[in-house]
Protein backbone atom coordinates (compact mmCIF):
# COMPACT_ATOMS: atom_id res chain seq x y z
CA MET A 1 -12.11 14.42 2.96
CA GLN A 2 -9.11 16.72 2.78
CA LEU A 3 -7.58 18.10 5.97
CA THR A 4 -4.83 20.63 5.23
CA GLY A 5 -4.05 19.00 1.91
CA ILE A 6 -3.87 15.46 3.30
CA CYS A 7 -6.41 12.93 2.08
CA LEU A 8 -7.83 10.79 4.89
CA PRO A 9 -10.43 8.02 4.48
CA ASP A 10 -13.64 8.03 6.55
CA THR A 11 -12.83 4.54 7.88
CA PHE A 12 -9.62 2.55 7.80
CA VAL A 13 -7.91 -0.34 9.60
CA TRP A 14 -5.30 1.15 11.89
CA GLN A 15 -4.17 -2.07 13.59
CA THR A 16 -4.22 -5.73 12.49
CA ARG A 17 -2.52 -7.25 15.52
CA GLY A 18 -4.54 -9.57 17.72
CA ASP A 19 -7.73 -11.46 16.96
CA SER A 20 -9.53 -8.99 14.71
CA PRO A 21 -8.55 -5.83 12.83
CA LYS A 22 -9.28 -2.56 14.61
CA VAL A 23 -11.10 0.05 12.57
CA ALA A 24 -10.97 3.82 12.97
CA THR A 25 -13.93 5.98 11.97
CA ARG A 26 -14.08 9.71 11.47
CA CYS A 27 -16.01 11.66 14.12
CA SER A 28 -19.30 12.80 12.60
CA ALA A 29 -19.67 15.78 14.93
CA CYS A 30 -16.43 17.55 13.93
CA GLU A 31 -15.77 15.71 10.62
CA GLY A 32 -12.35 14.59 11.85
CA SER A 33 -10.93 17.98 12.71
CA GLY A 34 -11.16 17.51 16.48
CA SER A 35 -12.71 20.92 17.07
CA LYS A 36 -16.04 22.62 16.59
CA GLU A 37 -16.49 26.22 15.61
CA LYS A 38 -18.86 28.24 17.74
CA ARG A 39 -20.42 31.57 16.97
CA GLY A 40 -17.92 34.35 16.54
CA GLY A 41 -15.32 32.03 14.99
CA LYS A 42 -14.09 30.63 18.32
CA LYS A 43 -13.09 26.96 18.17
CA THR A 44 -13.59 24.50 21.00
CA VAL A 45 -12.61 20.87 21.50
CA CYS A 46 -15.18 18.46 20.07
CA PRO A 47 -16.95 16.85 23.05
CA LYS A 48 -17.86 13.71 21.11
CA CYS A 49 -14.26 12.66 20.29
CA ASP A 50 -12.37 14.70 22.94
CA GLY A 51 -10.40 16.54 20.26
CA GLY A 52 -9.03 13.43 18.57
CA GLY A 53 -11.27 13.61 15.53
CA TRP A 54 -11.48 9.81 15.26
CA HIS A 55 -13.20 6.93 17.09
CA GLY A 56 -11.73 3.47 17.63
CA ILE A 57 -8.06 4.47 17.86
CA ASP A 58 -6.31 3.71 21.14
CA PRO A 59 -3.46 6.26 21.39
CA SER A 60 -1.42 3.99 23.66
CA GLU A 61 -1.40 1.11 21.14
CA PRO A 62 1.02 0.77 18.20
CA THR A 63 -0.24 1.03 14.64
CA ASP A 64 0.64 -0.94 11.56
CA CYS A 65 -1.09 1.18 8.94
CA PHE A 66 1.16 2.74 6.34
CA PRO A 67 1.90 6.48 6.20
CA ALA A 68 0.81 6.70 2.56
CA GLU A 69 -1.08 4.23 0.39
CA GLU A 70 -2.77 4.61 -2.95
CA HIS A 71 -6.53 4.04 -2.99
CA ASP A 72 -8.58 4.69 -6.13
CA GLY A 73 -5.76 6.70 -7.68
CA GLU A 74 -5.37 8.99 -4.67
CA MET A 75 -2.69 8.95 -1.98
CA VAL A 76 -4.27 8.35 1.42
CA HIS A 77 -2.33 9.20 4.60
CA ALA A 78 -4.09 7.10 7.25
CA ARG A 79 -1.26 7.25 9.77
CA VAL A 80 -1.79 11.00 10.09
CA ALA A 81 -5.12 10.25 11.82
CA VAL A 82 -3.36 7.99 14.35
CA TYR A 83 -0.80 10.74 15.03
CA GLN A 84 -3.64 13.26 15.43
CA VAL A 85 -5.36 11.13 18.09
CA ARG A 86 -2.10 10.56 19.96
CA TYR A 87 -1.30 14.28 19.94
CA ALA A 88 -4.79 15.25 21.12
CA ALA A 89 -4.65 12.69 23.95
CA GLY A 90 -1.21 13.89 25.13
CA TYR A 91 0.69 10.75 24.09
CA PRO A 92 3.95 10.79 22.15
CA ILE A 93 3.21 10.91 18.43
CA TRP A 94 5.57 8.03 17.61
CA ASN A 95 5.22 4.66 19.31
CA PRO A 96 8.38 2.50 19.30
CA ASP A 97 6.27 -0.55 18.37
CA ASP A 98 4.73 1.05 15.26
CA LEU A 99 5.28 -0.75 11.99
CA ASN A 100 8.71 0.16 10.68
CA ILE A 101 8.14 2.62 7.86
CA ARG A 102 11.68 3.15 6.69
CA PRO A 103 12.11 2.49 2.99
CA PHE A 104 14.04 -0.58 1.93
CA LEU A 105 17.01 0.45 -0.18
CA LYS A 106 18.06 -1.91 -2.92
CA THR A 107 21.63 -2.02 -4.10
CA ASN A 108 22.19 -0.65 -7.57
CA PRO A 109 24.37 -3.02 -9.62
CA ASP A 110 24.81 -0.36 -12.32
CA ARG A 111 26.33 2.29 -10.08
CA THR A 112 29.25 4.10 -11.59
CA TYR A 113 30.98 5.47 -8.53
CA PRO A 114 34.69 6.12 -9.01
CA ARG A 115 36.96 3.55 -7.45
CA ARG A 116 39.20 6.26 -6.04
CA HIS A 117 38.06 9.51 -4.54
CA HIS A 118 40.06 12.72 -4.86
CA ASN A 119 39.39 15.70 -2.68
CA HIS A 120 39.30 19.07 -4.38
CA TRP A 121 42.32 20.22 -2.33
CA SER A 122 44.56 17.24 -3.10
CA ASN A 123 47.32 17.46 -5.69
CA GLU A 124 46.78 13.96 -7.05
């Protein structure tokens, strides 16, 4: 399913810490959006998932799912669902114990940076 251009799976493992992996499932009542549309176009919070859009995610717990992974040739952004549940529950979106998602930068042995740098205003 696509939510605002972001592909999210119907079920995914959002945490692998502890004895068994914890699985998140999309709310069937609101299809993961967290709100239901009533007559007249007015939206209300989904009573089944309390506006989170997902079941099985504890907003106070850290996650170790990746922000973007490729599944069947499509980029899936599972961590967006965890952020959605945290936001709907009133928790901070980022947990300090979340899996570190910063990219690992490798050194480039072929870099051709100049050994000496000259500023544009210098007379050298």
